[in-house]
Amino acid sequence: MSEAAHTTPVRPPASEEHRAEALRRVNRSPGQHWGLFLEWAKSFTIAIVLFLFVRTFLVEAFKIPSGSMEKTLLVGDFLLVNKLVYGAEVPFTGKHLPAIRHPQRGDVVVFQWPLDPTKNFVKRLVGVPGDTLMMRDGDLWVNAVRQRERYVQHSEPPEVDPTAEEFKWQKDYLVRTAEAVVLHTPSRNNWGPLVVPKDKYFVLGDNRDNSLDSRYWQFVPDSLIRGRPMFVYYSYDPDSLDRMSWLTRIRWTRIGERVR
């Protein structure tokens, strides 16, 4: 019986293009590898610088951690904030770029908390310098005009009106009227009238019965205003035991919603 012949498969000849590429790889010097690394490092550095520039002077992302602005903003909303509109702060200088416009009544603003500037708050600006503000039975009055605030919600009955030591600061800013003398003990829903000082603002949360705001810790200096939220770019319901709630509990209807 004849023995089976063993044959070696024949490879097709390499093309000239493949040969040239192989020669380039073999002949590539260490200096060329270093040049490629430098090009990559340069591109990466430029990207980081651009990111920091945009974040510092143009737009920054913020997350809503509390319910003080419900129903306007919900816990789990992620916002893009326009920092240029009020004049972004130049790092390490304490100075600001020229503002496009000054904060106005009704603006939702992001600012550094006066009691701890490392924390950022989001509230609605209701009083600008020179305004006379007061609250009666939960209704806000600005310059003797009762405000119709469509965005406000109350979570407690009107008769629930707590007082606290934090409110006593208001006495130093009271307009000396007979009405102010009667309301000698300011409370959450009844205080003022008081005048907003120069270069400062008065802010309140839209969820009026559940908001730590200017009623408790005075005015916000204009130097602490950081920007104005533009829209919600992402939102999810955090009230879930699901570890993947950030993915499974997305509020699709809120994505892209403008902040007003």
C-alpha atoms as a PDB file:
ATOM      1  CA  MET A   1       0.000   0.000   0.000  1.00  0.00           C
ATOM      2  CA  SER A   2       1.424   3.394  -0.939  1.00  0.00           C
ATOM      3  CA  GLU A   3       2.094   5.986   1.833  1.00  0.00           C
ATOM      4  CA  ALA A   4      -0.030   9.153   1.838  1.00  0.00           C
ATOM      5  CA  ALA A   5       1.835  12.165   0.555  1.00  0.00           C
ATOM      6  CA  HIS A   6       2.131  15.129   2.915  1.00  0.00           C
ATOM      7  CA  THR A   7       1.789  18.455   1.132  1.00  0.00           C
ATOM      8  CA  THR A   8       2.585  21.914   2.537  1.00  0.00           C
ATOM      9  CA  PRO A   9      -0.002  24.585   1.693  1.00  0.00           C
ATOM     10  CA  VAL A  10       1.362  27.176  -0.672  1.00  0.00           C
ATOM     11  CA  ARG A  11       0.926  30.807   0.486  1.00  0.00           C
ATOM     12  CA  PRO A  12       0.109  33.372  -2.136  1.00  0.00           C
ATOM     13  CA  PRO A  13       2.972  35.768  -2.817  1.00  0.00           C
ATOM     14  CA  ALA A  14       2.800  39.008  -0.805  1.00  0.00           C
ATOM     15  CA  SER A  15       1.812  42.064  -2.771  1.00  0.00           C
ATOM     16  CA  GLU A  16       4.219  44.927  -3.260  1.00  0.00           C
ATOM     17  CA  GLU A  17       2.037  47.086  -1.008  1.00  0.00           C
ATOM     18  CA  HIS A  18       2.298  44.607   1.873  1.00  0.00           C
ATOM     19  CA  ARG A  19       6.041  44.323   1.416  1.00  0.00           C
ATOM     20  CA  ALA A  20       6.471  48.092   1.513  1.00  0.00           C
ATOM     21  CA  GLU A  21       4.400  48.362   4.692  1.00  0.00           C
ATOM     22  CA  ALA A  22       6.429  45.611   6.365  1.00  0.00           C
ATOM     23  CA  LEU A  23       9.665  47.392   5.456  1.00  0.00           C
ATOM     24  CA  ARG A  24       8.331  50.674   6.900  1.00  0.00           C
ATOM     25  CA  ARG A  25       7.498  48.950  10.185  1.00  0.00           C
ATOM     26  CA  VAL A  26      10.908  47.319  10.423  1.00  0.00           C
ATOM     27  CA  ASN A  27      12.783  50.491   9.545  1.00  0.00           C
ATOM     28  CA  ARG A  28      10.735  52.817  11.769  1.00  0.00           C
ATOM     29  CA  SER A  29      13.137  54.466  14.211  1.00  0.00           C
ATOM     30  CA  PRO A  30      12.505  55.004  17.976  1.00  0.00           C
ATOM     31  CA  GLY A  31      12.421  58.733  17.236  1.00  0.00           C
ATOM     32  CA  GLN A  32       9.353  58.278  15.062  1.00  0.00           C
ATOM     33  CA  HIS A  33       7.568  56.460  17.902  1.00  0.00           C
ATOM     34  CA  TRP A  34       8.437  59.343  20.241  1.00  0.00           C
ATOM     35  CA  GLY A  35       7.101  61.819  17.681  1.00  0.00           C
ATOM     36  CA  LEU A  36       3.775  59.992  17.537  1.00  0.00           C
ATOM     37  CA  PHE A  37       3.578  60.076  21.349  1.00  0.00           C
ATOM     38  CA  LEU A  38       4.264  63.821  21.373  1.00  0.00           C
ATOM     39  CA  GLU A  39       1.521  64.407  18.801  1.00  0.00           C
ATOM     40  CA  TRP A  40      -0.932  62.407  20.910  1.00  0.00           C
ATOM     41  CA  ALA A  41       0.091  64.276  24.086  1.00  0.00           C
ATOM     42  CA  LYS A  42      -0.310  67.603  22.286  1.00  0.00           C
ATOM     43  CA  SER A  43      -3.834  66.744  21.112  1.00  0.00           C
ATOM     44  CA  PHE A  44      -4.797  65.523  24.594  1.00  0.00           C
ATOM     45  CA  THR A  45      -3.471  68.707  26.231  1.00  0.00           C
ATOM     46  CA  ILE A  46      -5.374  70.925  23.804  1.00  0.00           C
ATOM     47  CA  ALA A  47      -8.580  68.990  24.512  1.00  0.00           C
ATOM     48  CA  ILE A  48      -8.118  69.423  28.286  1.00  0.00           C
ATOM     49  CA  VAL A  49      -7.415  73.151  27.940  1.00  0.00           C
ATOM     50  CA  LEU A  50     -10.512  73.633  25.790  1.00  0.00           C
ATOM     51  CA  PHE A  51     -12.628  71.685  28.281  1.00  0.00           C
ATOM     52  CA  LEU A  52     -11.387  73.790  31.213  1.00  0.00           C
ATOM     53  CA  PHE A  53     -11.942  77.007  29.252  1.00  0.00           C
ATOM     54  CA  VAL A  54     -15.534  76.078  28.406  1.00  0.00           C
ATOM     55  CA  ARG A  55     -16.218  74.913  31.987  1.00  0.00           C
ATOM     56  CA  THR A  56     -14.706  78.057  33.544  1.00  0.00           C
ATOM     57  CA  PHE A  57     -16.080  80.767  31.280  1.00  0.00           C
ATOM     58  CA  LEU A  58     -18.980  79.403  29.221  1.00  0.00           C
ATOM     59  CA  VAL A  59     -20.988  76.382  30.402  1.00  0.00           C
ATOM     60  CA  GLU A  60     -20.872  74.075  33.424  1.00  0.00           C
ATOM     61  CA  ALA A  61     -22.940  71.072  34.469  1.00  0.00           C
ATOM     62  CA  PHE A  62     -24.784  70.929  37.796  1.00  0.00           C
ATOM     63  CA  LYS A  63     -26.927  68.299  39.498  1.00  0.00           C
ATOM     64  CA  ILE A  64     -30.032  69.085  41.585  1.00  0.00           C
ATOM     65  CA  PRO A  65     -29.580  67.377  44.991  1.00  0.00           C
ATOM     66  CA  SER A  66     -32.683  68.607  46.868  1.00  0.00           C
ATOM     67  CA  GLY A  67     -36.361  69.337  46.343  1.00  0.00           C
ATOM     68  CA  SER A  68     -36.272  73.056  47.223  1.00  0.00           C
ATOM     69  CA  MET A  69     -37.051  74.054  43.615  1.00  0.00           C
ATOM     70  CA  GLU A  70     -39.854  71.594  42.901  1.00  0.00           C
ATOM     71  CA  LYS A  71     -41.905  71.714  40.703  1.00  0.00           C
ATOM     72  CA  THR A  72     -39.537  73.698  38.469  1.00  0.00           C
ATOM     73  CA  LEU A  73     -36.535  71.442  39.100  1.00  0.00           C
ATOM     74  CA  LEU A  74     -36.573  67.884  40.427  1.00  0.00           C
ATOM     75  CA  VAL A  75     -34.060  65.870  42.411  1.00  0.00           C
ATOM     76  CA  GLY A  76     -32.013  64.008  39.818  1.00  0.00           C
ATOM     77  CA  ASP A  77     -32.104  66.763  37.186  1.00  0.00           C
ATOM     78  CA  PHE A  78     -28.779  67.593  35.549  1.00  0.00           C
ATOM     79  CA  LEU A  79     -28.480  71.155  34.251  1.00  0.00           C
ATOM     80  CA  LEU A  80     -26.269  73.008  31.831  1.00  0.00           C
ATOM     81  CA  VAL A  81     -25.583  76.452  33.290  1.00  0.00           C
ATOM     82  CA  ASN A  82     -24.688  79.546  31.281  1.00  0.00           C
ATOM     83  CA  LYS A  83     -21.803  81.174  33.188  1.00  0.00           C
ATOM     84  CA  LEU A  84     -21.096  83.880  30.619  1.00  0.00           C
ATOM     85  CA  VAL A  85     -24.444  85.677  30.921  1.00  0.00           C
ATOM     86  CA  TYR A  86     -23.689  87.252  34.330  1.00  0.00           C
ATOM     87  CA  GLY A  87     -19.922  87.498  33.778  1.00  0.00           C
ATOM     88  CA  ALA A  88     -17.867  84.408  34.593  1.00  0.00           C
ATOM     89  CA  GLU A  89     -15.289  84.650  37.370  1.00  0.00           C
ATOM     90  CA  VAL A  90     -11.625  84.708  36.348  1.00  0.00           C
ATOM     91  CA  PRO A  91      -9.921  82.005  38.466  1.00  0.00           C
ATOM     92  CA  PHE A  92      -7.648  83.128  41.329  1.00  0.00           C
ATOM     93  CA  THR A  93      -8.377  86.834  40.736  1.00  0.00           C
ATOM     94  CA  GLY A  94     -11.766  87.433  42.345  1.00  0.00           C
ATOM     95  CA  LYS A  95     -12.712  89.415  39.227  1.00  0.00           C
ATOM     96  CA  HIS A  96     -15.433  88.739  36.663  1.00  0.00           C
ATOM     97  CA  LEU A  97     -15.722  89.100  32.919  1.00  0.00           C
ATOM     98  CA  PRO A  98     -18.143  91.800  31.679  1.00  0.00           C
ATOM     99  CA  ALA A  99     -21.726  90.600  32.078  1.00  0.00           C
ATOM    100  CA  ILE A 100     -24.060  90.255  29.118  1.00  0.00           C
ATOM    101  CA  ARG A 101     -26.838  91.346  31.464  1.00  0.00           C
ATOM    102  CA  HIS A 102     -27.431  91.629  35.195  1.00  0.00           C
ATOM    103  CA  PRO A 103     -29.597  89.147  37.129  1.00  0.00           C
ATOM    104  CA  GLN A 104     -33.286  90.032  36.987  1.00  0.00           C
ATOM    105  CA  ARG A 105     -36.329  89.232  39.076  1.00  0.00           C
ATOM    106  CA  GLY A 106     -37.669  85.820  38.143  1.00  0.00           C
ATOM    107  CA  ASP A 107     -34.324  84.390  37.011  1.00  0.00           C
ATOM    108  CA  VAL A 108     -33.374  80.942  38.257  1.00  0.00           C
ATOM    109  CA  VAL A 109     -29.736  81.317  39.324  1.00  0.00           C
ATOM    110  CA  VAL A 110     -26.861  79.136  40.485  1.00  0.00           C
ATOM    111  CA  PHE A 111     -24.757  80.702  43.233  1.00  0.00           C
ATOM    112  CA  GLN A 112     -22.284  79.872  45.961  1.00  0.00           C
ATOM    113  CA  TRP A 113     -23.943  79.568  49.357  1.00  0.00           C
ATOM    114  CA  PRO A 114     -22.933  82.639  51.416  1.00  0.00           C
ATOM    115  CA  LEU A 115     -22.438  80.509  54.556  1.00  0.00           C
ATOM    116  CA  ASP A 116     -20.194  78.016  52.741  1.00  0.00           C
ATOM    117  CA  PRO A 117     -18.977  79.097  49.273  1.00  0.00           C
ATOM    118  CA  THR A 118     -17.799  75.556  48.497  1.00  0.00           C
ATOM    119  CA  LYS A 119     -21.470  74.566  48.052  1.00  0.00           C
ATOM    120  CA  ASN A 120     -23.604  75.579  45.076  1.00  0.00           C
ATOM    121  CA  PHE A 121     -27.301  76.370  45.420  1.00  0.00           C
ATOM    122  CA  VAL A 122     -30.048  76.875  42.831  1.00  0.00           C
ATOM    123  CA  LYS A 123     -32.911  79.268  43.667  1.00  0.00           C
ATOM    124  CA  ARG A 124     -35.184  81.844  42.073  1.00  0.00           C
ATOM    125  CA  LEU A 125     -34.137  85.484  42.331  1.00  0.00           C
ATOM    126  CA  VAL A 126     -37.064  87.546  43.639  1.00  0.00           C
ATOM    127  CA  GLY A 127     -35.409  90.778  44.819  1.00  0.00           C
ATOM    128  CA  VAL A 128     -32.758  93.026  43.249  1.00  0.00           C
ATOM    129  CA  PRO A 129     -30.898  95.917  44.941  1.00  0.00           C
ATOM    130  CA  GLY A 130     -33.311  98.619  46.113  1.00  0.00           C
ATOM    131  CA  ASP A 131     -36.420  96.402  46.135  1.00  0.00           C
ATOM    132  CA  THR A 132     -38.713  96.410  49.154  1.00  0.00           C
ATOM    133  CA  LEU A 133     -39.821  92.863  49.955  1.00  0.00           C
ATOM    134  CA  MET A 134     -42.272  91.344  52.369  1.00  0.00           C
ATOM    135  CA  MET A 135     -44.312  88.177  52.751  1.00  0.00           C
ATOM    136  CA  ARG A 136     -47.834  87.941  54.120  1.00  0.00           C
ATOM    137  CA  ASP A 137     -49.438  84.538  54.711  1.00  0.00           C
ATOM    138  CA  GLY A 138     -47.026  82.990  52.227  1.00  0.00           C
ATOM    139  CA  ASP A 139     -47.631  85.557  49.462  1.00  0.00           C
ATOM    140  CA  LEU A 140     -44.620  87.552  48.273  1.00  0.00           C
ATOM    141  CA  TRP A 141     -44.923  91.326  47.825  1.00  0.00           C
ATOM    142  CA  VAL A 142     -42.330  93.308  45.854  1.00  0.00           C
ATOM    143  CA  ASN A 143     -42.448  97.104  46.020  1.00  0.00           C
ATOM    144  CA  ALA A 144     -45.991  96.944  47.447  1.00  0.00           C
ATOM    145  CA  VAL A 145     -47.232  94.707  44.598  1.00  0.00           C
ATOM    146  CA  ARG A 146     -48.436  91.180  45.342  1.00  0.00           C
ATOM    147  CA  GLN A 147     -46.651  88.693  43.085  1.00  0.00           C
ATOM    148  CA  ARG A 148     -48.520  86.014  41.156  1.00  0.00           C
ATOM    149  CA  GLU A 149     -45.898  83.282  41.114  1.00  0.00           C
ATOM    150  CA  ARG A 150     -47.183  80.463  38.903  1.00  0.00           C
ATOM    151  CA  TYR A 151     -44.089  78.371  39.650  1.00  0.00           C
ATOM    152  CA  VAL A 152     -44.522  78.281  43.453  1.00  0.00           C
ATOM    153  CA  GLN A 153     -45.885  75.264  45.301  1.00  0.00           C
ATOM    154  CA  HIS A 154     -46.792  74.844  48.985  1.00  0.00           C
ATOM    155  CA  SER A 155     -46.565  71.500  50.758  1.00  0.00           C
ATOM    156  CA  GLU A 156     -48.022  72.571  54.127  1.00  0.00           C
ATOM    157  CA  PRO A 157     -51.293  74.231  55.220  1.00  0.00           C
ATOM    158  CA  PRO A 158     -51.208  78.070  55.461  1.00  0.00           C
ATOM    159  CA  GLU A 159     -51.651  78.005  59.249  1.00  0.00           C
ATOM    160  CA  VAL A 160     -48.325  76.165  59.631  1.00  0.00           C
ATOM    161  CA  ASP A 161     -45.879  79.055  59.957  1.00  0.00           C
ATOM    162  CA  PRO A 162     -42.738  78.185  61.937  1.00  0.00           C
ATOM    163  CA  THR A 163     -40.417  80.742  63.466  1.00  0.00           C
ATOM    164  CA  ALA A 164     -36.707  80.222  63.991  1.00  0.00           C
ATOM    165  CA  GLU A 165     -33.655  81.996  65.326  1.00  0.00           C
ATOM    166  CA  GLU A 166     -32.351  82.260  61.761  1.00  0.00           C
ATOM    167  CA  PHE A 167     -35.102  84.767  60.869  1.00  0.00           C
ATOM    168  CA  LYS A 168     -33.992  87.372  63.403  1.00  0.00           C
ATOM    169  CA  TRP A 169     -31.353  88.831  61.060  1.00  0.00           C
ATOM    170  CA  GLN A 170     -34.219  90.517  59.182  1.00  0.00           C
ATOM    171  CA  LYS A 171     -34.789  93.021  61.984  1.00  0.00           C
ATOM    172  CA  ASP A 172     -31.690  94.977  60.970  1.00  0.00           C
ATOM    173  CA  TYR A 173     -33.110  95.542  57.477  1.00  0.00           C
ATOM    174  CA  LEU A 174     -36.738  96.325  58.355  1.00  0.00           C
ATOM    175  CA  VAL A 175     -38.440  99.369  56.925  1.00  0.00           C
ATOM    176  CA  ARG A 176     -39.629 101.234  60.023  1.00  0.00           C
ATOM    177  CA  THR A 177     -43.381 101.164  59.530  1.00  0.00           C
ATOM    178  CA  ALA A 178     -46.267 100.508  61.897  1.00  0.00           C
ATOM    179  CA  GLU A 179     -46.880  97.171  60.146  1.00  0.00           C
ATOM    180  CA  ALA A 180     -43.270  96.123  60.661  1.00  0.00           C
ATOM    181  CA  VAL A 181     -43.509  96.899  64.378  1.00  0.00           C
ATOM    182  CA  VAL A 182     -46.563  94.636  64.693  1.00  0.00           C
ATOM    183  CA  LEU A 183     -44.673  91.786  62.992  1.00  0.00           C
ATOM    184  CA  HIS A 184     -41.795  92.015  65.428  1.00  0.00           C
ATOM    185  CA  THR A 185     -41.180  88.251  65.207  1.00  0.00           C
ATOM    186  CA  PRO A 186     -40.513  87.271  61.577  1.00  0.00           C
ATOM    187  CA  SER A 187     -41.541  83.785  60.480  1.00  0.00           C
ATOM    188  CA  ARG A 188     -41.313  81.670  57.364  1.00  0.00           C
ATOM    189  CA  ASN A 189     -44.523  83.022  55.817  1.00  0.00           C
ATOM    190  CA  ASN A 190     -44.706  86.480  57.417  1.00  0.00           C
ATOM    191  CA  TRP A 191     -41.781  88.900  57.411  1.00  0.00           C
ATOM    192  CA  GLY A 192     -40.670  92.334  56.249  1.00  0.00           C
ATOM    193  CA  PRO A 193     -40.922  94.786  54.720  1.00  0.00           C
ATOM    194  CA  LEU A 194     -37.178  94.952  54.206  1.00  0.00           C
ATOM    195  CA  VAL A 195     -34.960  96.591  51.576  1.00  0.00           C
ATOM    196  CA  VAL A 196     -32.421  94.684  49.486  1.00  0.00           C
ATOM    197  CA  PRO A 197     -28.995  96.349  49.888  1.00  0.00           C
ATOM    198  CA  LYS A 198     -26.721  97.443  47.068  1.00  0.00           C
ATOM    199  CA  ASP A 199     -24.891  94.666  45.167  1.00  0.00           C
ATOM    200  CA  LYS A 200     -26.986  91.936  46.801  1.00  0.00           C
ATOM    201  CA  TYR A 201     -29.954  89.757  45.844  1.00  0.00           C
ATOM    202  CA  PHE A 202     -32.790  87.973  47.624  1.00  0.00           C
ATOM    203  CA  VAL A 203     -33.573  84.407  46.546  1.00  0.00           C
ATOM    204  CA  LEU A 204     -36.329  81.927  47.375  1.00  0.00           C
ATOM    205  CA  GLY A 205     -36.995  78.309  46.498  1.00  0.00           C
ATOM    206  CA  ASP A 206     -40.078  77.537  44.412  1.00  0.00           C
ATOM    207  CA  ASN A 207     -40.995  74.847  46.946  1.00  0.00           C
ATOM    208  CA  ARG A 208     -41.616  77.558  49.542  1.00  0.00           C
ATOM    209  CA  ASP A 209     -42.371  75.343  52.530  1.00  0.00           C
ATOM    210  CA  ASN A 210     -39.281  73.208  52.008  1.00  0.00           C
ATOM    211  CA  SER A 211     -36.501  75.572  51.029  1.00  0.00           C
ATOM    212  CA  LEU A 212     -33.419  76.886  52.805  1.00  0.00           C
ATOM    213  CA  ASP A 213     -33.092  80.328  51.228  1.00  0.00           C
ATOM    214  CA  SER A 214     -32.585  84.054  51.888  1.00  0.00           C
ATOM    215  CA  ARG A 215     -35.270  84.030  54.564  1.00  0.00           C
ATOM    216  CA  TYR A 216     -32.842  82.044  56.710  1.00  0.00           C
ATOM    217  CA  TRP A 217     -29.369  83.262  55.737  1.00  0.00           C
ATOM    218  CA  GLN A 218     -29.779  86.758  54.306  1.00  0.00           C
ATOM    219  CA  PHE A 219     -28.877  88.085  50.883  1.00  0.00           C
ATOM    220  CA  VAL A 220     -26.630  86.698  48.140  1.00  0.00           C
ATOM    221  CA  PRO A 221     -23.737  89.024  47.158  1.00  0.00           C
ATOM    222  CA  ASP A 222     -23.490  89.560  43.418  1.00  0.00           C
ATOM    223  CA  SER A 223     -19.915  88.204  43.516  1.00  0.00           C
ATOM    224  CA  LEU A 224     -21.299  84.732  44.401  1.00  0.00           C
ATOM    225  CA  ILE A 225     -23.703  84.475  41.442  1.00  0.00           C
ATOM    226  CA  ARG A 226     -22.289  81.815  39.107  1.00  0.00           C
ATOM    227  CA  GLY A 227     -24.737  81.524  36.242  1.00  0.00           C
ATOM    228  CA  ARG A 228     -28.189  80.817  34.911  1.00  0.00           C
ATOM    229  CA  PRO A 229     -29.429  77.276  34.116  1.00  0.00           C
ATOM    230  CA  MET A 230     -30.378  76.844  30.467  1.00  0.00           C
ATOM    231  CA  PHE A 231     -31.958  73.391  30.208  1.00  0.00           C
ATOM    232  CA  VAL A 232     -32.089  69.875  31.643  1.00  0.00           C
ATOM    233  CA  TYR A 233     -29.686  67.651  29.702  1.00  0.00           C
ATOM    234  CA  TYR A 234     -30.358  64.500  31.743  1.00  0.00           C
ATOM    235  CA  SER A 235     -32.774  63.448  34.481  1.00  0.00           C
ATOM    236  CA  TYR A 236     -33.582  60.289  36.421  1.00  0.00           C
ATOM    237  CA  ASP A 237     -35.672  59.353  39.425  1.00  0.00           C
ATOM    238  CA  PRO A 238     -33.290  58.618  42.328  1.00  0.00           C
ATOM    239  CA  ASP A 239     -36.082  57.303  44.601  1.00  0.00           C
ATOM    240  CA  SER A 240     -35.411  53.722  43.668  1.00  0.00           C
ATOM    241  CA  LEU A 241     -33.616  50.751  45.228  1.00  0.00           C
ATOM    242  CA  ASP A 242     -32.390  49.712  41.808  1.00  0.00           C
ATOM    243  CA  ARG A 243     -28.625  50.266  41.583  1.00  0.00           C
ATOM    244  CA  MET A 244     -29.049  50.966  37.888  1.00  0.00           C
ATOM    245  CA  SER A 245     -31.760  53.575  38.449  1.00  0.00           C
ATOM    246  CA  TRP A 246     -29.629  56.184  36.693  1.00  0.00           C
ATOM    247  CA  LEU A 247     -30.197  54.110  33.561  1.00  0.00           C
ATOM    248  CA  THR A 248     -33.567  52.409  34.122  1.00  0.00           C
ATOM    249  CA  ARG A 249     -35.449  55.356  35.710  1.00  0.00           C
ATOM    250  CA  ILE A 250     -34.653  58.036  33.140  1.00  0.00           C
ATOM    251  CA  ARG A 251     -37.205  60.852  32.914  1.00  0.00           C
ATOM    252  CA  TRP A 252     -37.263  61.074  29.149  1.00  0.00           C
ATOM    253  CA  THR A 253     -39.845  63.865  29.064  1.00  0.00           C
ATOM    254  CA  ARG A 254     -37.566  66.204  31.046  1.00  0.00           C
ATOM    255  CA  ILE A 255     -34.495  65.870  28.838  1.00  0.00           C
ATOM    256  CA  GLY A 256     -34.064  69.083  26.876  1.00  0.00           C
ATOM    257  CA  GLU A 257     -36.590  71.008  28.978  1.00  0.00           C
ATOM    258  CA  ARG A 258     -35.766  74.684  29.370  1.00  0.00           C
ATOM    259  CA  VAL A 259     -35.423  76.139  32.878  1.00  0.00           C
ATOM    260  CA  ARG A 260     -37.807  79.064  33.401  1.00  0.00           C
END
